[in-house]
C-alpha atoms as a PDB file:
ATOM      1  CA  LYS A   1     -46.676 -23.452  21.728  1.00  0.00           C
ATOM      2  CA  ILE A   2     -49.903 -21.467  21.281  1.00  0.00           C
ATOM      3  CA  SER A   3     -52.934 -22.818  23.132  1.00  0.00           C
ATOM      4  CA  PRO A   4     -56.026 -23.699  21.069  1.00  0.00           C
ATOM      5  CA  ASP A   5     -57.984 -20.893  22.760  1.00  0.00           C
ATOM      6  CA  LEU A   6     -55.399 -18.286  21.806  1.00  0.00           C
ATOM      7  CA  ARG A   7     -55.228 -19.650  18.279  1.00  0.00           C
ATOM      8  CA  ALA A   8     -59.034 -19.434  17.976  1.00  0.00           C
ATOM      9  CA  LEU A   9     -58.950 -15.847  19.213  1.00  0.00           C
ATOM     10  CA  GLU A  10     -56.240 -15.007  16.691  1.00  0.00           C
ATOM     11  CA  ILE A  11     -58.337 -16.497  13.868  1.00  0.00           C
ATOM     12  CA  VAL A  12     -61.419 -14.568  14.973  1.00  0.00           C
ATOM     13  CA  LEU A  13     -59.555 -11.253  15.194  1.00  0.00           C
ATOM     14  CA  ASP A  14     -57.874 -11.826  11.828  1.00  0.00           C
ATOM     15  CA  ALA A  15     -61.317 -12.218  10.216  1.00  0.00           C
ATOM     16  CA  MET A  16     -62.327  -8.721  11.333  1.00  0.00           C
ATOM     17  CA  ASN A  17     -61.403  -5.504   9.618  1.00  0.00           C
ATOM     18  CA  ASP A  18     -59.536  -2.794  11.557  1.00  0.00           C
ATOM     19  CA  ARG A  19     -62.653  -0.861  12.488  1.00  0.00           C
ATOM     20  CA  GLU A  20     -64.590  -3.902  13.673  1.00  0.00           C
ATOM     21  CA  ARG A  21     -61.619  -4.997  15.762  1.00  0.00           C
ATOM     22  CA  ALA A  22     -61.190  -1.506  17.237  1.00  0.00           C
ATOM     23  CA  VAL A  23     -64.840  -1.200  18.293  1.00  0.00           C
ATOM     24  CA  LEU A  24     -64.860  -4.722  19.722  1.00  0.00           C
ATOM     25  CA  GLU A  25     -61.705  -4.038  21.709  1.00  0.00           C
ATOM     26  CA  MET A  26     -62.890  -0.696  23.060  1.00  0.00           C
ATOM     27  CA  LYS A  27     -66.342  -1.940  24.084  1.00  0.00           C
ATOM     28  CA  MET A  28     -65.592  -5.466  25.285  1.00  0.00           C
ATOM     29  CA  VAL A  29     -61.991  -5.366  26.466  1.00  0.00           C
ATOM     30  CA  ASP A  30     -61.415  -1.772  27.533  1.00  0.00           C
ATOM     31  CA  GLU A  31     -65.075  -1.285  28.573  1.00  0.00           C
ATOM     32  CA  PHE A  32     -65.296   2.179  27.001  1.00  0.00           C
ATOM     33  CA  SER A  33     -68.609   4.010  27.022  1.00  0.00           C
ATOM     34  CA  TRP A  34     -70.214   4.662  23.641  1.00  0.00           C
ATOM     35  CA  ALA A  35     -69.197   8.322  23.978  1.00  0.00           C
ATOM     36  CA  GLU A  36     -65.561   7.280  24.406  1.00  0.00           C
ATOM     37  CA  VAL A  37     -65.751   4.870  21.476  1.00  0.00           C
ATOM     38  CA  LEU A  38     -67.305   7.571  19.290  1.00  0.00           C
ATOM     39  CA  GLY A  39     -64.562  10.011  20.209  1.00  0.00           C
ATOM     40  CA  GLU A  40     -61.760   7.549  19.525  1.00  0.00           C
ATOM     41  CA  MET A  41     -63.215   6.247  16.267  1.00  0.00           C
ATOM     42  CA  ASN A  42     -63.989   9.705  14.905  1.00  0.00           C
ATOM     43  CA  LYS A  43     -60.483  10.862  15.794  1.00  0.00           C
ATOM     44  CA  SER A  44     -58.689   7.743  14.543  1.00  0.00           C
ATOM     45  CA  TYR A  45     -60.568   7.401  11.279  1.00  0.00           C
ATOM     46  CA  ASN A  46     -61.391  11.057  10.551  1.00  0.00           C
ATOM     47  CA  ASN A  47     -65.015  10.154  10.222  1.00  0.00           C
ATOM     48  CA  SER A  48     -68.248  11.150  11.861  1.00  0.00           C
ATOM     49  CA  TYR A  49     -69.651   7.889  13.134  1.00  0.00           C
ATOM     50  CA  SER A  50     -72.909   7.616  15.001  1.00  0.00           C
ATOM     51  CA  LYS A  51     -73.546   5.268  17.901  1.00  0.00           C
ATOM     52  CA  ARG A  52     -75.842   3.321  15.590  1.00  0.00           C
ATOM     53  CA  SER A  53     -73.144   2.826  12.932  1.00  0.00           C
ATOM     54  CA  LEU A  54     -70.643   1.725  15.576  1.00  0.00           C
ATOM     55  CA  GLN A  55     -73.212  -0.688  17.050  1.00  0.00           C
ATOM     56  CA  ARG A  56     -73.569  -2.221  13.578  1.00  0.00           C
ATOM     57  CA  LEU A  57     -69.774  -2.595  13.374  1.00  0.00           C
ATOM     58  CA  LEU A  58     -69.739  -4.298  16.765  1.00  0.00           C
ATOM     59  CA  ASP A  59     -72.646  -6.563  15.811  1.00  0.00           C
ATOM     60  CA  ARG A  60     -70.875  -7.549  12.594  1.00  0.00           C
ATOM     61  CA  ALA A  61     -67.664  -8.315  14.502  1.00  0.00           C
ATOM     62  CA  VAL A  62     -69.516 -10.484  17.030  1.00  0.00           C
ATOM     63  CA  ASP A  63     -71.393 -12.276  14.229  1.00  0.00           C
ATOM     64  CA  LYS A  64     -68.079 -13.080  12.536  1.00  0.00           C
ATOM     65  CA  ALA A  65     -66.703 -14.432  15.797  1.00  0.00           C
ATOM     66  CA  TYR A  66     -69.722 -16.704  16.316  1.00  0.00           C
ATOM     67  CA  GLU A  67     -69.531 -17.993  12.734  1.00  0.00           C
ATOM     68  CA  ILE A  68     -65.866 -18.912  13.114  1.00  0.00           C
ATOM     69  CA  ILE A  69     -66.335 -20.533  16.505  1.00  0.00           C
ATOM     70  CA  LYS A  70     -69.256 -22.742  15.340  1.00  0.00           C
END
């Protein structure tokens, strides 16, 4: 049986897109520096992100989490 906390986390993560989830995981779980996040995201998504664009992704992911938890 899945605990309510784990179920809530699953719902929150499911509401995020892949990039939001990746940035959230790297910054908040793995505690990567912004330089490490930039390197991983640019490599994984063949893009040239800036710290500012990744901060917006993280902010959006956290906002989604708060909305769901309310």
